[in-house]
Structures are given as structure tokens and as C-alpha cells.
Amino acid sequence: MSEKRTRTLRELTMADLAFVVATIAVFTLVVLVAKGVAKL
């Protein structure tokens, strides 16, 4: 049970890491676009 839970937790961690990186990338892009529009 513990071993299976650890494996699942590790997979979720990798998925969460990828999701967080993607979210930060999108958020950064939105901020840059917002700043560009503000300058116009």
C-alpha cells in the first residue's frame, strides 16, 4: 500500500511540476503582453 502510494505521489508530483511550469509560463506571457499593451 505504502509503495503504491509513493509511486502515485511521485507521478502526481511530476504532473504538478509540469502544470506549475506551464502556468508560470502562461502567466508570464500574459504579464508581458499586458505591459506591451499598456505601453501602447
PDB file of N, CA and C in Angstrom:
ATOM      1  N   MET A   1       0.844  -1.204   0.000  1.00  0.00           N
ATOM      2  CA  MET A   1       0.000   0.000   0.000  1.00  0.00           C
ATOM      3  C   MET A   1       0.877   1.251   0.000  1.00  0.00           C
ATOM      4  N   SER A   2       1.854   1.253   0.887  1.00  0.00           N
ATOM      5  CA  SER A   2       2.732   2.424   1.001  1.00  0.00           C
ATOM      6  C   SER A   2       3.542   2.626  -0.274  1.00  0.00           C
ATOM      7  N   GLU A   3       4.010   1.508  -0.846  1.00  0.00           N
ATOM      8  CA  GLU A   3       4.830   1.600  -2.060  1.00  0.00           C
ATOM      9  C   GLU A   3       4.002   2.153  -3.222  1.00  0.00           C
ATOM     10  N   LYS A   4       2.773   1.661  -3.345  1.00  0.00           N
ATOM     11  CA  LYS A   4       1.894   2.130  -4.417  1.00  0.00           C
ATOM     12  C   LYS A   4       1.568   3.611  -4.232  1.00  0.00           C
ATOM     13  N   ARG A   5       1.335   3.997  -2.994  1.00  0.00           N
ATOM     14  CA  ARG A   5       1.002   5.390  -2.703  1.00  0.00           C
ATOM     15  C   ARG A   5       2.181   6.307  -3.036  1.00  0.00           C
ATOM     16  N   THR A   6       3.409   5.830  -2.741  1.00  0.00           N
ATOM     17  CA  THR A   6       4.605   6.626  -3.031  1.00  0.00           C
ATOM     18  C   THR A   6       4.775   6.803  -4.534  1.00  0.00           C
ATOM     19  N   ARG A   7       4.544   5.733  -5.292  1.00  0.00           N
ATOM     20  CA  ARG A   7       4.676   5.794  -6.741  1.00  0.00           C
ATOM     21  C   ARG A   7       3.653   6.790  -7.309  1.00  0.00           C
ATOM     22  N   THR A   8       2.412   6.699  -6.813  1.00  0.00           N
ATOM     23  CA  THR A   8       1.357   7.607  -7.281  1.00  0.00           C
ATOM     24  C   THR A   8       1.715   9.052  -6.921  1.00  0.00           C
ATOM     25  N   LEU A   9       2.208   9.239  -5.712  1.00  0.00           N
ATOM     26  CA  LEU A   9       2.576  10.582  -5.264  1.00  0.00           C
ATOM     27  C   LEU A   9       3.671  11.155  -6.145  1.00  0.00           C
ATOM     28  N   ARG A  10       4.635  10.294  -6.538  1.00  0.00           N
ATOM     29  CA  ARG A  10       5.745  10.744  -7.378  1.00  0.00           C
ATOM     30  C   ARG A  10       5.214  11.149  -8.754  1.00  0.00           C
ATOM     31  N   GLU A  11       4.276  10.373  -9.307  1.00  0.00           N
ATOM     32  CA  GLU A  11       3.702  10.689 -10.615  1.00  0.00           C
ATOM     33  C   GLU A  11       2.921  11.998 -10.537  1.00  0.00           C
ATOM     34  N   LEU A  12       2.174  12.171  -9.449  1.00  0.00           N
ATOM     35  CA  LEU A  12       1.413  13.409  -9.279  1.00  0.00           C
ATOM     36  C   LEU A  12       2.354  14.593  -9.146  1.00  0.00           C
ATOM     37  N   THR A  13       3.490  14.371  -8.473  1.00  0.00           N
ATOM     38  CA  THR A  13       4.461  15.454  -8.301  1.00  0.00           C
ATOM     39  C   THR A  13       5.010  15.889  -9.654  1.00  0.00           C
ATOM     40  N   MET A  14       5.326  14.937 -10.517  1.00  0.00           N
ATOM     41  CA  MET A  14       5.839  15.271 -11.851  1.00  0.00           C
ATOM     42  C   MET A  14       4.776  16.001 -12.653  1.00  0.00           C
ATOM     43  N   ALA A  15       3.526  15.539 -12.564  1.00  0.00           N
ATOM     44  CA  ALA A  15       2.430  16.183 -13.289  1.00  0.00           C
ATOM     45  C   ALA A  15       2.213  17.592 -12.737  1.00  0.00           C
ATOM     46  N   ASP A  16       2.241  17.724 -11.411  1.00  0.00           N
ATOM     47  CA  ASP A  16       2.065  19.037 -10.789  1.00  0.00           C
ATOM     48  C   ASP A  16       3.190  19.975 -11.192  1.00  0.00           C
ATOM     49  N   LEU A  17       4.415  19.454 -11.259  1.00  0.00           N
ATOM     50  CA  LEU A  17       5.566  20.275 -11.628  1.00  0.00           C
ATOM     51  C   LEU A  17       5.388  20.806 -13.050  1.00  0.00           C
ATOM     52  N   ALA A  18       4.991  19.932 -13.960  1.00  0.00           N
ATOM     53  CA  ALA A  18       4.781  20.336 -15.352  1.00  0.00           C
ATOM     54  C   ALA A  18       3.651  21.365 -15.428  1.00  0.00           C
ATOM     55  N   PHE A  19       2.587  21.135 -14.651  1.00  0.00           N
ATOM     56  CA  PHE A  19       1.447  22.061 -14.644  1.00  0.00           C
ATOM     57  C   PHE A  19       1.856  23.433 -14.111  1.00  0.00           C
ATOM     58  N   VAL A  20       2.645  23.436 -13.037  1.00  0.00           N
ATOM     59  CA  VAL A  20       3.102  24.700 -12.449  1.00  0.00           C
ATOM     60  C   VAL A  20       3.994  25.459 -13.432  1.00  0.00           C
ATOM     61  N   VAL A  21       4.900  24.746 -14.088  1.00  0.00           N
ATOM     62  CA  VAL A  21       5.799  25.390 -15.057  1.00  0.00           C
ATOM     63  C   VAL A  21       4.991  25.990 -16.196  1.00  0.00           C
ATOM     64  N   ALA A  22       4.001  25.248 -16.694  1.00  0.00           N
ATOM     65  CA  ALA A  22       3.156  25.736 -17.792  1.00  0.00           C
ATOM     66  C   ALA A  22       2.357  26.956 -17.337  1.00  0.00           C
ATOM     67  N   THR A  23       1.830  26.894 -16.111  1.00  0.00           N
ATOM     68  CA  THR A  23       1.045  28.009 -15.579  1.00  0.00           C
ATOM     69  C   THR A  23       1.899  29.266 -15.444  1.00  0.00           C
ATOM     70  N   ILE A  24       3.119  29.114 -14.929  1.00  0.00           N
ATOM     71  CA  ILE A  24       4.023  30.257 -14.776  1.00  0.00           C
ATOM     72  C   ILE A  24       4.377  30.842 -16.140  1.00  0.00           C
ATOM     73  N   ALA A  25       4.603  29.969 -17.120  1.00  0.00           N
ATOM     74  CA  ALA A  25       4.950  30.431 -18.465  1.00  0.00           C
ATOM     75  C   ALA A  25       3.802  31.246 -19.051  1.00  0.00           C
ATOM     76  N   VAL A  26       2.583  30.731 -18.934  1.00  0.00           N
ATOM     77  CA  VAL A  26       1.403  31.440 -19.456  1.00  0.00           C
ATOM     78  C   VAL A  26       1.210  32.762 -18.717  1.00  0.00           C
ATOM     79  N   PHE A  27       1.334  32.723 -17.387  1.00  0.00           N
ATOM     80  CA  PHE A  27       1.167  33.941 -16.588  1.00  0.00           C
ATOM     81  C   PHE A  27       2.188  34.998 -16.982  1.00  0.00           C
ATOM     82  N   THR A  28       3.438  34.574 -17.173  1.00  0.00           N
ATOM     83  CA  THR A  28       4.497  35.498 -17.583  1.00  0.00           C
ATOM     84  C   THR A  28       4.182  36.095 -18.947  1.00  0.00           C
ATOM     85  N   LEU A  29       3.705  35.261 -19.863  1.00  0.00           N
ATOM     86  CA  LEU A  29       3.354  35.738 -21.201  1.00  0.00           C
ATOM     87  C   LEU A  29       2.240  36.780 -21.119  1.00  0.00           C
ATOM     88  N   VAL A  30       1.234  36.507 -20.294  1.00  0.00           N
ATOM     89  CA  VAL A  30       0.115  37.449 -20.118  1.00  0.00           C
ATOM     90  C   VAL A  30       0.612  38.778 -19.559  1.00  0.00           C
ATOM     91  N   VAL A  31       1.513  38.726 -18.581  1.00  0.00           N
ATOM     92  CA  VAL A  31       2.057  39.953 -17.982  1.00  0.00           C
ATOM     93  C   VAL A  31       2.833  40.753 -19.023  1.00  0.00           C
ATOM     94  N   LEU A  32       3.645  40.070 -19.824  1.00  0.00           N
ATOM     95  CA  LEU A  32       4.426  40.758 -20.852  1.00  0.00           C
ATOM     96  C   LEU A  32       3.502  41.409 -21.882  1.00  0.00           C
ATOM     97  N   VAL A  33       2.465  40.693 -22.288  1.00  0.00           N
ATOM     98  CA  VAL A  33       1.500  41.235 -23.255  1.00  0.00           C
ATOM     99  C   VAL A  33       0.781  42.432 -22.644  1.00  0.00           C
ATOM    100  N   ALA A  34       0.410  42.330 -21.381  1.00  0.00           N
ATOM    101  CA  ALA A  34      -0.293  43.421 -20.706  1.00  0.00           C
ATOM    102  C   ALA A  34       0.593  44.660 -20.653  1.00  0.00           C
ATOM    103  N   LYS A  35       1.892  44.458 -20.348  1.00  0.00           N
ATOM    104  CA  LYS A  35       2.825  45.585 -20.300  1.00  0.00           C
ATOM    105  C   LYS A  35       2.983  46.194 -21.684  1.00  0.00           C
ATOM    106  N   GLY A  36       3.033  45.353 -22.721  1.00  0.00           N
ATOM    107  CA  GLY A  36       3.166  45.839 -24.095  1.00  0.00           C
ATOM    108  C   GLY A  36       1.968  46.673 -24.486  1.00  0.00           C
ATOM    109  N   VAL A  37       0.772  46.208 -24.123  1.00  0.00           N
ATOM    110  CA  VAL A  37      -0.465  46.944 -24.436  1.00  0.00           C
ATOM    111  C   VAL A  37      -0.484  48.255 -23.667  1.00  0.00           C
ATOM    112  N   ALA A  38      -0.027  48.232 -22.404  1.00  0.00           N
ATOM    113  CA  ALA A  38      -0.022  49.420 -21.576  1.00  0.00           C
ATOM    114  C   ALA A  38       0.888  50.491 -22.189  1.00  0.00           C
ATOM    115  N   LYS A  39       2.023  50.043 -22.793  1.00  0.00           N
ATOM    116  CA  LYS A  39       2.944  50.999 -23.399  1.00  0.00           C
ATOM    117  C   LYS A  39       2.314  51.654 -24.640  1.00  0.00           C
ATOM    118  N   LEU A  40       1.438  50.919 -25.311  1.00  0.00           N
ATOM    119  CA  LEU A  40       0.755  51.481 -26.472  1.00  0.00           C
ATOM    120  C   LEU A  40      -0.319  52.444 -26.005  1.00  0.00           C
TER     121      LEU A  40
END
